[in-house]
């Protein structure tokens, strides 16, 4: 990465499934991602609990003596629904509050294979970057082609002129954890000239409950 300005990532948020998936490669990749983050001295922010891939990546990060923070809706903690969080836990009232806190506390975002919840988190973070709410890098770890269909769809949306080429650059992808973290560190945000004029005041977001669900 000689000659490339490297972004400092201290805390990485990982979105992933509360299931392990059909292919054992998903579990192995989740553990490996946690190892890579740990070795690079990067702390983890995630959705809490110990189920599925979420448990794999959080356990691996903790084993490398890095901080793990689980942000979890209180509803999930009833009857120990998702298991014990590996590290510190913050309880929130809503799913939206959870995602906002993840955005605020993280320097970058990685999505592993998962279901609707993982996809919602991924695209919500992408749309917020497009709206200039944050300028943090976002990537998917494309294990065994899991995200091939999604990436093809996004490229199709670009061809149909629903997503701009500039906005397409927000979503990074790689097939290995090391490559993906390198790409996140090298990411340079390109704001849309029109959308860069939007001003998102932290005070108004707290006082007026700014609606961050807007998607373009």
N, C-alpha and C. Protein backbone atom coordinates (compact mmCIF):
# COMPACT_ATOMS: atom_id res chain seq x y z
N UNK A 1 0.82 -1.21 0.00
CA UNK A 1 0.00 0.00 0.00
C UNK A 1 0.86 1.26 0.00
N UNK A 2 2.09 1.13 -0.54
CA UNK A 2 3.01 2.26 -0.59
C UNK A 2 2.42 3.38 -1.42
N UNK A 3 2.52 4.61 -0.90
CA UNK A 3 2.00 5.76 -1.62
C UNK A 3 0.52 5.99 -1.42
N UNK A 4 -0.14 5.12 -0.66
CA UNK A 4 -1.58 5.26 -0.42
C UNK A 4 -1.81 5.78 1.00
N UNK A 5 -2.63 6.79 1.13
CA UNK A 5 -2.97 7.31 2.44
C UNK A 5 -3.80 6.27 3.18
N UNK A 6 -3.30 5.83 4.34
CA UNK A 6 -3.96 4.77 5.09
C UNK A 6 -4.84 5.37 6.17
N UNK A 7 -6.10 5.00 6.14
CA UNK A 7 -7.07 5.44 7.13
C UNK A 7 -6.85 4.66 8.42
N UNK A 8 -6.91 5.35 9.55
CA UNK A 8 -6.74 4.68 10.83
C UNK A 8 -8.08 4.10 11.29
N UNK A 9 -8.13 2.80 11.40
CA UNK A 9 -9.34 2.12 11.87
C UNK A 9 -9.06 1.55 13.26
N UNK A 10 -9.73 2.09 14.25
CA UNK A 10 -9.57 1.61 15.62
C UNK A 10 -10.69 0.67 16.02
N UNK A 11 -11.91 0.95 15.50
CA UNK A 11 -13.08 0.13 15.82
C UNK A 11 -13.80 -0.21 14.53
N UNK A 12 -14.00 -1.50 14.31
CA UNK A 12 -14.68 -1.96 13.10
C UNK A 12 -16.01 -2.61 13.49
N UNK A 13 -17.07 -2.17 12.86
CA UNK A 13 -18.39 -2.77 13.08
C UNK A 13 -18.58 -3.90 12.08
N UNK A 14 -19.05 -5.04 12.56
CA UNK A 14 -19.31 -6.18 11.69
C UNK A 14 -20.79 -6.53 11.74
N UNK A 15 -21.42 -6.58 10.57
CA UNK A 15 -22.79 -7.04 10.41
C UNK A 15 -22.73 -8.47 9.89
N UNK A 16 -23.50 -9.37 10.49
CA UNK A 16 -23.48 -10.75 9.99
C UNK A 16 -24.65 -11.54 10.59
N UNK A 17 -24.78 -12.76 10.13
CA UNK A 17 -25.93 -13.57 10.52
C UNK A 17 -25.85 -14.11 11.93
N UNK A 18 -27.02 -14.25 12.54
CA UNK A 18 -27.14 -14.92 13.84
C UNK A 18 -27.25 -16.43 13.63
N UNK A 19 -27.16 -16.85 12.37
CA UNK A 19 -27.06 -18.27 12.02
C UNK A 19 -25.67 -18.51 11.45
N UNK A 20 -25.28 -19.77 11.39
CA UNK A 20 -23.94 -20.11 10.89
C UNK A 20 -23.92 -20.35 9.39
N UNK A 21 -25.09 -20.53 8.79
CA UNK A 21 -25.14 -20.78 7.36
C UNK A 21 -24.86 -22.23 7.00
N UNK A 22 -25.07 -22.56 5.76
CA UNK A 22 -24.96 -23.94 5.28
C UNK A 22 -23.51 -24.39 5.08
N UNK A 23 -22.68 -23.44 4.65
CA UNK A 23 -21.30 -23.76 4.28
C UNK A 23 -20.38 -23.49 5.47
N UNK A 24 -19.58 -24.46 5.87
CA UNK A 24 -18.65 -24.29 6.98
C UNK A 24 -17.64 -23.19 6.69
N UNK A 25 -17.48 -22.84 5.41
CA UNK A 25 -16.55 -21.76 5.05
C UNK A 25 -16.98 -20.44 5.66
N UNK A 26 -18.27 -20.24 5.88
CA UNK A 26 -18.75 -19.00 6.49
C UNK A 26 -18.25 -18.88 7.93
N UNK A 27 -18.34 -19.98 8.66
CA UNK A 27 -17.87 -20.00 10.05
C UNK A 27 -16.36 -19.78 10.10
N UNK A 28 -15.65 -20.46 9.24
CA UNK A 28 -14.19 -20.33 9.21
C UNK A 28 -13.78 -18.90 8.88
N UNK A 29 -14.49 -18.30 7.93
CA UNK A 29 -14.16 -16.93 7.52
C UNK A 29 -14.48 -15.93 8.63
N UNK A 30 -15.56 -16.17 9.38
CA UNK A 30 -15.92 -15.28 10.48
C UNK A 30 -14.85 -15.32 11.57
N UNK A 31 -14.40 -16.53 11.91
CA UNK A 31 -13.32 -16.66 12.89
C UNK A 31 -12.04 -15.98 12.37
N UNK A 32 -11.75 -16.19 11.09
CA UNK A 32 -10.53 -15.61 10.52
C UNK A 32 -10.60 -14.08 10.50
N UNK A 33 -11.76 -13.53 10.18
CA UNK A 33 -11.91 -12.08 10.21
C UNK A 33 -11.63 -11.55 11.62
N UNK A 34 -12.17 -12.23 12.63
CA UNK A 34 -11.91 -11.82 14.00
C UNK A 34 -10.43 -11.88 14.33
N UNK A 35 -9.74 -12.89 13.84
CA UNK A 35 -8.30 -13.01 14.06
C UNK A 35 -7.54 -11.87 13.39
N UNK A 36 -7.95 -11.54 12.17
CA UNK A 36 -7.30 -10.45 11.44
C UNK A 36 -7.50 -9.12 12.16
N UNK A 37 -8.71 -8.86 12.61
CA UNK A 37 -8.96 -7.63 13.36
C UNK A 37 -8.13 -7.59 14.63
N UNK A 38 -8.08 -8.72 15.34
CA UNK A 38 -7.32 -8.78 16.57
C UNK A 38 -5.84 -8.54 16.35
N UNK A 39 -5.27 -9.19 15.33
CA UNK A 39 -3.85 -9.04 15.05
C UNK A 39 -3.51 -7.62 14.61
N UNK A 40 -4.47 -6.94 13.99
CA UNK A 40 -4.24 -5.56 13.56
C UNK A 40 -4.62 -4.56 14.66
N UNK A 41 -4.92 -5.07 15.83
CA UNK A 41 -5.27 -4.24 16.99
C UNK A 41 -6.49 -3.37 16.72
N UNK A 42 -7.49 -3.97 16.09
CA UNK A 42 -8.75 -3.29 15.80
C UNK A 42 -9.84 -3.88 16.69
N UNK A 43 -10.54 -3.03 17.42
CA UNK A 43 -11.62 -3.47 18.29
C UNK A 43 -12.88 -3.73 17.47
N UNK A 44 -13.81 -4.48 18.08
CA UNK A 44 -15.03 -4.90 17.38
C UNK A 44 -16.27 -4.24 17.98
N UNK A 45 -17.13 -3.75 17.09
CA UNK A 45 -18.49 -3.35 17.44
C UNK A 45 -19.41 -4.27 16.66
N UNK A 46 -20.39 -4.86 17.33
CA UNK A 46 -21.31 -5.77 16.63
C UNK A 46 -22.66 -5.79 17.33
N UNK A 47 -23.55 -6.65 16.88
CA UNK A 47 -24.92 -6.63 17.37
C UNK A 47 -25.17 -7.36 18.67
N UNK A 48 -24.13 -7.93 19.29
CA UNK A 48 -24.28 -8.58 20.58
C UNK A 48 -24.68 -10.05 20.49
N UNK A 49 -24.57 -10.74 21.61
CA UNK A 49 -24.92 -12.16 21.66
C UNK A 49 -23.80 -13.05 21.15
N UNK A 50 -24.09 -14.36 21.10
CA UNK A 50 -23.06 -15.31 20.68
C UNK A 50 -23.56 -16.30 19.63
N UNK A 51 -24.67 -15.97 18.98
CA UNK A 51 -25.23 -16.88 17.99
C UNK A 51 -24.55 -16.75 16.63
N UNK A 52 -24.45 -17.86 15.93
CA UNK A 52 -24.03 -17.87 14.54
C UNK A 52 -22.70 -17.20 14.28
N UNK A 53 -22.61 -16.51 13.14
CA UNK A 53 -21.38 -15.85 12.75
C UNK A 53 -21.04 -14.71 13.70
N UNK A 54 -22.07 -14.12 14.32
CA UNK A 54 -21.83 -13.04 15.29
C UNK A 54 -20.99 -13.56 16.46
N UNK A 55 -21.30 -14.75 16.92
CA UNK A 55 -20.53 -15.35 18.00
C UNK A 55 -19.12 -15.71 17.57
N UNK A 56 -18.97 -16.16 16.33
CA UNK A 56 -17.66 -16.56 15.83
C UNK A 56 -16.70 -15.38 15.78
N UNK A 57 -17.12 -14.29 15.15
CA UNK A 57 -16.21 -13.16 14.99
C UNK A 57 -15.91 -12.49 16.33
N UNK A 58 -16.90 -12.39 17.20
CA UNK A 58 -16.67 -11.75 18.50
C UNK A 58 -15.75 -12.58 19.38
N UNK A 59 -15.90 -13.89 19.35
CA UNK A 59 -15.02 -14.77 20.13
C UNK A 59 -13.57 -14.65 19.66
N UNK A 60 -13.37 -14.63 18.36
CA UNK A 60 -12.01 -14.55 17.81
C UNK A 60 -11.34 -13.23 18.17
N UNK A 61 -12.10 -12.13 18.10
CA UNK A 61 -11.54 -10.82 18.47
C UNK A 61 -11.15 -10.81 19.94
N UNK A 62 -12.03 -11.33 20.79
CA UNK A 62 -11.77 -11.36 22.24
C UNK A 62 -10.56 -12.23 22.56
N UNK A 63 -10.38 -13.32 21.84
CA UNK A 63 -9.24 -14.21 22.07
C UNK A 63 -7.91 -13.52 21.77
N UNK A 64 -7.96 -12.48 20.96
CA UNK A 64 -6.75 -11.71 20.66
C UNK A 64 -6.66 -10.47 21.55
N UNK A 65 -7.44 -10.48 22.63
CA UNK A 65 -7.37 -9.46 23.67
C UNK A 65 -7.67 -8.06 23.15
N UNK A 66 -8.62 -7.99 22.20
CA UNK A 66 -9.13 -6.69 21.76
C UNK A 66 -10.51 -6.48 22.36
N UNK A 67 -10.93 -5.24 22.43
CA UNK A 67 -12.22 -4.92 23.03
C UNK A 67 -13.37 -5.32 22.11
N UNK A 68 -14.40 -5.87 22.70
CA UNK A 68 -15.61 -6.26 21.97
C UNK A 68 -16.79 -5.53 22.60
N UNK A 69 -17.56 -4.83 21.76
CA UNK A 69 -18.74 -4.12 22.22
C UNK A 69 -19.97 -4.62 21.47
N UNK A 70 -20.92 -5.17 22.19
CA UNK A 70 -22.18 -5.60 21.59
C UNK A 70 -23.27 -4.59 21.88
N UNK A 71 -23.92 -4.12 20.83
CA UNK A 71 -25.04 -3.17 20.98
C UNK A 71 -26.31 -3.93 20.64
N UNK A 72 -27.17 -4.08 21.63
CA UNK A 72 -28.27 -5.02 21.48
C UNK A 72 -29.59 -4.43 21.98
N UNK A 73 -30.67 -4.58 21.23
CA UNK A 73 -31.98 -4.15 21.71
C UNK A 73 -32.39 -4.94 22.96
N UNK A 74 -32.98 -4.27 23.91
CA UNK A 74 -33.36 -4.91 25.17
C UNK A 74 -34.27 -6.11 24.94
N UNK A 75 -35.10 -6.06 23.89
CA UNK A 75 -36.03 -7.15 23.61
C UNK A 75 -35.30 -8.47 23.38
N UNK A 76 -34.07 -8.40 22.84
CA UNK A 76 -33.31 -9.61 22.55
C UNK A 76 -32.70 -10.24 23.80
N UNK A 77 -32.66 -9.48 24.88
CA UNK A 77 -32.02 -10.00 26.10
C UNK A 77 -33.00 -10.76 26.98
N UNK A 78 -34.28 -10.71 26.66
CA UNK A 78 -35.28 -11.43 27.44
C UNK A 78 -35.10 -12.94 27.25
N UNK A 79 -35.06 -13.66 28.35
CA UNK A 79 -34.89 -15.13 28.32
C UNK A 79 -33.60 -15.55 27.62
N UNK A 80 -32.61 -14.66 27.64
CA UNK A 80 -31.30 -14.98 27.07
C UNK A 80 -31.43 -15.45 25.62
N UNK A 81 -32.21 -14.74 24.84
CA UNK A 81 -32.56 -15.15 23.48
C UNK A 81 -31.36 -15.33 22.56
N UNK A 82 -30.37 -14.45 22.68
CA UNK A 82 -29.23 -14.50 21.75
C UNK A 82 -27.94 -14.91 22.44
N UNK A 83 -28.01 -15.29 23.69
CA UNK A 83 -26.81 -15.70 24.40
C UNK A 83 -26.03 -14.52 24.96
N UNK A 84 -24.98 -14.84 25.68
CA UNK A 84 -24.18 -13.82 26.37
C UNK A 84 -23.21 -13.14 25.41
N UNK A 85 -23.19 -11.82 25.46
CA UNK A 85 -22.28 -11.05 24.62
C UNK A 85 -20.84 -11.27 25.07
N UNK A 86 -19.96 -11.44 24.12
CA UNK A 86 -18.54 -11.65 24.42
C UNK A 86 -17.86 -10.29 24.55
N UNK A 87 -17.92 -9.72 25.75
CA UNK A 87 -17.35 -8.39 25.96
C UNK A 87 -18.36 -7.47 26.61
N UNK A 88 -18.17 -6.17 26.41
CA UNK A 88 -19.08 -5.18 26.98
C UNK A 88 -20.37 -5.14 26.17
N UNK A 89 -21.47 -4.84 26.86
CA UNK A 89 -22.78 -4.81 26.19
C UNK A 89 -23.50 -3.51 26.51
N UNK A 90 -24.08 -2.91 25.48
CA UNK A 90 -24.93 -1.73 25.64
C UNK A 90 -26.33 -2.10 25.16
N UNK A 91 -27.32 -1.90 26.01
CA UNK A 91 -28.70 -2.18 25.64
C UNK A 91 -29.38 -0.91 25.16
N UNK A 92 -30.12 -1.04 24.07
CA UNK A 92 -30.85 0.09 23.50
C UNK A 92 -32.32 -0.29 23.36
N UNK A 93 -33.16 0.70 23.10
CA UNK A 93 -34.61 0.45 23.04
C UNK A 93 -35.07 -0.07 21.69
N UNK A 94 -34.45 0.41 20.61
CA UNK A 94 -34.94 0.08 19.27
C UNK A 94 -33.82 -0.36 18.34
N UNK A 95 -34.21 -0.99 17.24
CA UNK A 95 -33.25 -1.39 16.21
C UNK A 95 -32.58 -0.17 15.58
N UNK A 96 -33.35 0.89 15.40
CA UNK A 96 -32.80 2.10 14.79
C UNK A 96 -31.76 2.76 15.69
N UNK A 97 -32.05 2.78 16.98
CA UNK A 97 -31.09 3.34 17.94
C UNK A 97 -29.80 2.53 17.92
N UNK A 98 -29.95 1.24 17.79
CA UNK A 98 -28.78 0.35 17.71
C UNK A 98 -27.90 0.71 16.53
N UNK A 99 -28.50 0.89 15.35
CA UNK A 99 -27.73 1.16 14.15
C UNK A 99 -27.06 2.53 14.19
N UNK A 100 -27.78 3.51 14.73
CA UNK A 100 -27.20 4.85 14.86
C UNK A 100 -25.97 4.80 15.78
N UNK A 101 -26.07 4.07 16.89
CA UNK A 101 -24.95 3.97 17.81
C UNK A 101 -23.78 3.23 17.16
N UNK A 102 -24.08 2.20 16.37
CA UNK A 102 -23.02 1.50 15.65
C UNK A 102 -22.29 2.46 14.72
N UNK A 103 -23.03 3.28 14.01
CA UNK A 103 -22.44 4.25 13.09
C UNK A 103 -21.53 5.22 13.84
N UNK A 104 -22.02 5.71 14.96
CA UNK A 104 -21.28 6.73 15.71
C UNK A 104 -20.01 6.18 16.34
N UNK A 105 -20.02 4.92 16.76
CA UNK A 105 -18.90 4.36 17.51
C UNK A 105 -17.87 3.65 16.65
N UNK A 106 -18.15 3.46 15.37
CA UNK A 106 -17.27 2.67 14.50
C UNK A 106 -16.55 3.54 13.49
N UNK A 107 -15.38 3.05 13.05
CA UNK A 107 -14.59 3.73 12.03
C UNK A 107 -14.76 3.12 10.65
N UNK A 108 -15.30 1.90 10.60
CA UNK A 108 -15.51 1.20 9.33
C UNK A 108 -16.52 0.08 9.55
N UNK A 109 -17.03 -0.47 8.44
CA UNK A 109 -18.09 -1.48 8.52
C UNK A 109 -17.80 -2.63 7.56
N UNK A 110 -18.01 -3.84 8.06
CA UNK A 110 -17.84 -5.04 7.24
C UNK A 110 -19.09 -5.90 7.38
N UNK A 111 -19.59 -6.39 6.26
CA UNK A 111 -20.71 -7.33 6.27
C UNK A 111 -20.22 -8.71 5.87
N UNK A 112 -20.53 -9.67 6.70
CA UNK A 112 -20.34 -11.09 6.39
C UNK A 112 -21.67 -11.64 5.90
N UNK A 113 -21.71 -12.88 5.42
CA UNK A 113 -23.00 -13.45 5.04
C UNK A 113 -24.03 -13.37 6.17
N UNK A 114 -25.27 -13.15 5.77
CA UNK A 114 -26.37 -13.04 6.73
C UNK A 114 -27.68 -12.93 5.98
N UNK A 115 -28.74 -12.64 6.72
CA UNK A 115 -30.07 -12.57 6.14
C UNK A 115 -30.57 -11.14 6.00
N UNK A 116 -31.88 -10.98 6.14
CA UNK A 116 -32.50 -9.67 5.93
C UNK A 116 -31.93 -8.60 6.87
N UNK A 117 -31.69 -8.97 8.13
CA UNK A 117 -31.17 -7.99 9.08
C UNK A 117 -29.80 -7.49 8.67
N UNK A 118 -28.94 -8.40 8.24
CA UNK A 118 -27.59 -8.02 7.79
C UNK A 118 -27.67 -7.11 6.58
N UNK A 119 -28.54 -7.45 5.63
CA UNK A 119 -28.68 -6.65 4.42
C UNK A 119 -29.25 -5.27 4.74
N UNK A 120 -30.21 -5.22 5.67
CA UNK A 120 -30.76 -3.92 6.07
C UNK A 120 -29.68 -3.04 6.65
N UNK A 121 -28.88 -3.60 7.55
CA UNK A 121 -27.80 -2.82 8.18
C UNK A 121 -26.79 -2.34 7.14
N UNK A 122 -26.43 -3.22 6.24
CA UNK A 122 -25.46 -2.87 5.20
C UNK A 122 -25.96 -1.73 4.33
N UNK A 123 -27.18 -1.86 3.81
CA UNK A 123 -27.68 -0.84 2.89
C UNK A 123 -28.08 0.45 3.60
N UNK A 124 -28.48 0.34 4.86
CA UNK A 124 -28.75 1.56 5.62
C UNK A 124 -27.45 2.36 5.76
N UNK A 125 -26.35 1.67 6.07
CA UNK A 125 -25.08 2.37 6.23
C UNK A 125 -24.61 2.96 4.91
N UNK A 126 -24.86 2.25 3.81
CA UNK A 126 -24.49 2.77 2.49
C UNK A 126 -25.30 4.01 2.15
N UNK A 127 -26.60 3.97 2.41
CA UNK A 127 -27.45 5.11 2.08
C UNK A 127 -27.09 6.33 2.94
N UNK A 128 -26.69 6.10 4.19
CA UNK A 128 -26.27 7.21 5.04
C UNK A 128 -24.96 7.83 4.53
N UNK A 129 -24.07 6.99 4.00
CA UNK A 129 -22.84 7.52 3.41
C UNK A 129 -23.18 8.34 2.16
N UNK A 130 -24.09 7.83 1.35
CA UNK A 130 -24.51 8.55 0.15
C UNK A 130 -25.10 9.91 0.51
N UNK A 131 -25.81 9.97 1.63
CA UNK A 131 -26.43 11.22 2.07
C UNK A 131 -25.48 12.12 2.86
N UNK A 132 -24.21 11.70 2.94
CA UNK A 132 -23.19 12.49 3.61
C UNK A 132 -23.41 12.56 5.13
N UNK A 133 -24.12 11.57 5.68
CA UNK A 133 -24.29 11.50 7.13
C UNK A 133 -23.01 11.00 7.77
N UNK A 134 -22.27 10.15 7.06
CA UNK A 134 -20.95 9.74 7.50
C UNK A 134 -20.09 9.49 6.27
N UNK A 135 -18.79 9.38 6.47
CA UNK A 135 -17.87 9.14 5.34
C UNK A 135 -16.95 7.96 5.61
N UNK A 136 -17.48 6.96 6.31
CA UNK A 136 -16.69 5.81 6.74
C UNK A 136 -16.78 4.68 5.71
N UNK A 137 -15.71 3.90 5.56
CA UNK A 137 -15.70 2.83 4.54
C UNK A 137 -16.59 1.65 4.91
N UNK A 138 -17.16 1.04 3.87
CA UNK A 138 -18.11 -0.08 4.03
C UNK A 138 -17.73 -1.18 3.04
N UNK A 139 -17.61 -2.40 3.53
CA UNK A 139 -17.25 -3.48 2.64
C UNK A 139 -17.96 -4.78 2.95
N UNK A 140 -18.00 -5.66 1.96
CA UNK A 140 -18.55 -7.01 2.15
C UNK A 140 -17.42 -8.01 1.95
N UNK A 141 -17.39 -9.02 2.82
CA UNK A 141 -16.45 -10.11 2.67
C UNK A 141 -17.14 -11.21 1.87
N UNK A 142 -16.77 -11.30 0.60
CA UNK A 142 -17.49 -12.15 -0.35
C UNK A 142 -16.97 -13.58 -0.31
N UNK A 143 -17.43 -14.31 0.69
CA UNK A 143 -16.97 -15.68 0.94
C UNK A 143 -17.65 -16.64 -0.03
N UNK A 144 -16.85 -17.38 -0.79
CA UNK A 144 -17.37 -18.36 -1.75
C UNK A 144 -18.47 -17.79 -2.65
N UNK A 145 -18.33 -16.51 -3.02
CA UNK A 145 -19.27 -15.88 -3.93
C UNK A 145 -20.63 -15.56 -3.33
N UNK A 146 -20.72 -15.55 -1.99
CA UNK A 146 -22.02 -15.32 -1.35
C UNK A 146 -22.68 -14.03 -1.82
N UNK A 147 -21.89 -12.99 -2.01
CA UNK A 147 -22.45 -11.68 -2.37
C UNK A 147 -22.42 -11.42 -3.88
N UNK A 148 -22.10 -12.41 -4.68
CA UNK A 148 -22.02 -12.20 -6.13
C UNK A 148 -23.32 -11.65 -6.69
N UNK A 149 -24.44 -12.25 -6.29
CA UNK A 149 -25.73 -11.81 -6.81
C UNK A 149 -26.05 -10.39 -6.39
N UNK A 150 -25.75 -10.05 -5.15
CA UNK A 150 -26.01 -8.70 -4.65
C UNK A 150 -25.15 -7.68 -5.39
N UNK A 151 -23.87 -7.99 -5.58
CA UNK A 151 -22.99 -7.06 -6.28
C UNK A 151 -23.42 -6.89 -7.74
N UNK A 152 -23.88 -7.96 -8.35
CA UNK A 152 -24.38 -7.88 -9.73
C UNK A 152 -25.62 -7.01 -9.81
N UNK A 153 -26.50 -7.14 -8.80
CA UNK A 153 -27.70 -6.32 -8.77
C UNK A 153 -27.34 -4.84 -8.63
N UNK A 154 -26.39 -4.53 -7.76
CA UNK A 154 -25.97 -3.14 -7.57
C UNK A 154 -25.41 -2.58 -8.88
N UNK A 155 -24.59 -3.38 -9.57
CA UNK A 155 -24.05 -2.93 -10.85
C UNK A 155 -25.16 -2.75 -11.88
N UNK A 156 -26.17 -3.61 -11.83
CA UNK A 156 -27.32 -3.46 -12.71
C UNK A 156 -28.05 -2.15 -12.43
N UNK A 157 -28.20 -1.81 -11.14
CA UNK A 157 -28.86 -0.55 -10.78
C UNK A 157 -28.06 0.66 -11.27
N UNK A 158 -26.73 0.51 -11.33
CA UNK A 158 -25.90 1.59 -11.88
C UNK A 158 -26.18 1.73 -13.37
N UNK A 159 -26.22 0.61 -14.09
CA UNK A 159 -26.48 0.65 -15.53
C UNK A 159 -27.85 1.24 -15.84
N UNK A 160 -28.81 1.01 -14.95
CA UNK A 160 -30.16 1.54 -15.14
C UNK A 160 -30.30 2.96 -14.59
N UNK A 161 -29.19 3.53 -14.12
CA UNK A 161 -29.10 4.92 -13.66
C UNK A 161 -29.95 5.22 -12.44
N UNK A 162 -30.06 4.21 -11.54
CA UNK A 162 -30.68 4.45 -10.24
C UNK A 162 -29.61 4.66 -9.17
N UNK A 163 -28.41 4.18 -9.42
CA UNK A 163 -27.26 4.40 -8.55
C UNK A 163 -26.18 5.05 -9.40
N UNK A 164 -25.57 6.12 -8.91
CA UNK A 164 -24.53 6.79 -9.69
C UNK A 164 -23.22 6.02 -9.56
N UNK A 165 -22.34 6.15 -10.57
CA UNK A 165 -21.02 5.52 -10.46
C UNK A 165 -20.26 5.96 -9.21
N UNK A 166 -20.43 7.23 -8.82
CA UNK A 166 -19.76 7.72 -7.62
C UNK A 166 -20.30 7.00 -6.38
N UNK A 167 -21.61 6.85 -6.30
CA UNK A 167 -22.21 6.17 -5.14
C UNK A 167 -21.83 4.70 -5.12
N UNK A 168 -21.65 4.09 -6.30
CA UNK A 168 -21.27 2.67 -6.36
C UNK A 168 -19.95 2.42 -5.65
N UNK A 169 -19.07 3.41 -5.66
CA UNK A 169 -17.75 3.25 -5.05
C UNK A 169 -17.83 3.13 -3.52
N UNK A 170 -18.98 3.47 -2.95
CA UNK A 170 -19.13 3.37 -1.49
C UNK A 170 -19.01 1.93 -1.04
N UNK A 171 -19.53 1.00 -1.83
CA UNK A 171 -19.54 -0.42 -1.45
C UNK A 171 -18.29 -1.13 -1.95
N UNK A 172 -17.46 -1.55 -1.02
CA UNK A 172 -16.21 -2.23 -1.32
C UNK A 172 -16.44 -3.74 -1.16
N UNK A 173 -15.69 -4.52 -1.89
CA UNK A 173 -15.79 -5.98 -1.72
C UNK A 173 -14.42 -6.61 -1.86
N UNK A 174 -14.25 -7.75 -1.19
CA UNK A 174 -13.02 -8.53 -1.30
C UNK A 174 -13.33 -9.95 -0.88
N UNK A 175 -12.44 -10.87 -1.25
CA UNK A 175 -12.68 -12.28 -0.96
C UNK A 175 -11.90 -12.78 0.26
N UNK A 176 -10.98 -11.95 0.78
CA UNK A 176 -10.25 -12.33 1.99
C UNK A 176 -10.31 -11.19 2.99
N UNK A 177 -10.18 -11.52 4.26
CA UNK A 177 -10.27 -10.52 5.32
C UNK A 177 -9.14 -9.50 5.22
N UNK A 178 -7.93 -9.98 4.99
CA UNK A 178 -6.79 -9.05 4.90
C UNK A 178 -6.95 -8.07 3.75
N UNK A 179 -7.37 -8.57 2.60
CA UNK A 179 -7.58 -7.70 1.44
C UNK A 179 -8.66 -6.67 1.73
N UNK A 180 -9.74 -7.10 2.39
CA UNK A 180 -10.84 -6.18 2.65
C UNK A 180 -10.43 -5.08 3.63
N UNK A 181 -9.73 -5.44 4.69
CA UNK A 181 -9.28 -4.43 5.65
C UNK A 181 -8.32 -3.46 4.98
N UNK A 182 -7.44 -3.96 4.12
CA UNK A 182 -6.54 -3.08 3.37
C UNK A 182 -7.34 -2.08 2.53
N UNK A 183 -8.38 -2.57 1.87
CA UNK A 183 -9.20 -1.69 1.02
C UNK A 183 -9.95 -0.66 1.86
N UNK A 184 -10.43 -1.07 3.02
CA UNK A 184 -11.12 -0.13 3.91
C UNK A 184 -10.17 0.97 4.37
N UNK A 185 -8.94 0.59 4.68
CA UNK A 185 -7.96 1.56 5.14
C UNK A 185 -7.55 2.53 4.03
N UNK A 186 -7.61 2.07 2.78
CA UNK A 186 -7.21 2.91 1.65
C UNK A 186 -8.38 3.71 1.06
N UNK A 187 -9.58 3.50 1.58
CA UNK A 187 -10.79 4.13 1.01
C UNK A 187 -10.74 5.64 1.12
N UNK A 188 -11.11 6.30 0.04
CA UNK A 188 -11.24 7.76 0.02
C UNK A 188 -12.66 8.11 -0.39
N UNK A 189 -13.37 8.76 0.49
CA UNK A 189 -14.79 9.08 0.27
C UNK A 189 -14.93 10.19 -0.76
N UNK A 190 -15.82 9.96 -1.74
CA UNK A 190 -16.13 10.96 -2.75
C UNK A 190 -17.58 11.39 -2.57
N UNK A 191 -17.77 12.55 -2.02
CA UNK A 191 -19.12 13.04 -1.76
C UNK A 191 -19.77 13.56 -3.02
N UNK A 192 -21.06 13.28 -3.18
CA UNK A 192 -21.83 13.84 -4.29
C UNK A 192 -21.95 15.35 -4.07
N UNK A 193 -21.59 16.17 -5.07
CA UNK A 193 -21.62 17.63 -4.89
C UNK A 193 -22.97 18.15 -4.40
N UNK A 194 -24.05 17.57 -4.89
CA UNK A 194 -25.38 18.04 -4.47
C UNK A 194 -25.69 17.60 -3.05
N UNK A 195 -25.43 16.32 -2.75
CA UNK A 195 -25.76 15.80 -1.43
C UNK A 195 -24.80 16.28 -0.36
N UNK A 196 -23.61 16.73 -0.77
CA UNK A 196 -22.65 17.23 0.21
C UNK A 196 -23.13 18.53 0.86
N UNK A 197 -24.11 19.14 0.25
CA UNK A 197 -24.65 20.38 0.81
C UNK A 197 -25.60 20.12 1.98
N UNK A 198 -26.02 18.86 2.13
CA UNK A 198 -26.88 18.53 3.25
C UNK A 198 -26.13 18.65 4.56
N UNK A 199 -26.75 19.25 5.55
CA UNK A 199 -26.14 19.43 6.86
C UNK A 199 -26.93 18.63 7.89
N UNK A 200 -26.24 17.71 8.52
CA UNK A 200 -26.88 16.87 9.53
C UNK A 200 -26.32 17.26 10.89
N UNK A 201 -27.09 18.04 11.63
CA UNK A 201 -26.64 18.54 12.92
C UNK A 201 -26.83 17.50 14.00
N UNK A 202 -25.77 17.16 14.75
CA UNK A 202 -25.91 16.20 15.85
C UNK A 202 -26.94 16.64 16.88
N UNK A 203 -26.99 17.96 17.12
CA UNK A 203 -27.93 18.46 18.12
C UNK A 203 -29.37 18.28 17.66
N UNK A 204 -29.60 18.52 16.35
CA UNK A 204 -30.96 18.36 15.85
C UNK A 204 -31.35 16.90 15.78
N UNK A 205 -30.37 16.02 15.54
CA UNK A 205 -30.69 14.60 15.47
C UNK A 205 -31.12 14.09 16.82
N UNK A 206 -30.60 14.68 17.89
CA UNK A 206 -30.97 14.26 19.23
C UNK A 206 -32.25 14.95 19.68
N UNK A 207 -32.35 16.22 19.38
CA UNK A 207 -33.48 17.00 19.87
C UNK A 207 -34.75 16.77 19.07
N UNK A 208 -34.58 16.71 17.75
CA UNK A 208 -35.73 16.60 16.88
C UNK A 208 -35.93 15.18 16.34
N UNK A 209 -35.10 14.24 16.81
CA UNK A 209 -35.21 12.86 16.36
C UNK A 209 -35.12 12.78 14.84
N UNK A 210 -34.01 13.26 14.33
CA UNK A 210 -33.77 13.29 12.89
C UNK A 210 -34.03 11.92 12.27
N UNK A 211 -34.80 11.89 11.21
CA UNK A 211 -35.13 10.64 10.55
C UNK A 211 -33.99 10.21 9.64
N UNK A 212 -33.24 9.18 10.06
CA UNK A 212 -32.12 8.69 9.28
C UNK A 212 -32.52 7.51 8.41
N UNK A 213 -33.79 7.28 8.23
CA UNK A 213 -34.23 6.13 7.43
C UNK A 213 -34.38 6.46 5.96
N UNK A 214 -34.13 7.73 5.60
CA UNK A 214 -34.29 8.14 4.22
C UNK A 214 -33.37 7.36 3.30
N UNK A 215 -33.90 6.85 2.23
CA UNK A 215 -33.11 6.13 1.23
C UNK A 215 -33.38 6.76 -0.13
N UNK A 216 -32.36 6.86 -0.93
CA UNK A 216 -32.53 7.39 -2.27
C UNK A 216 -32.54 6.24 -3.26
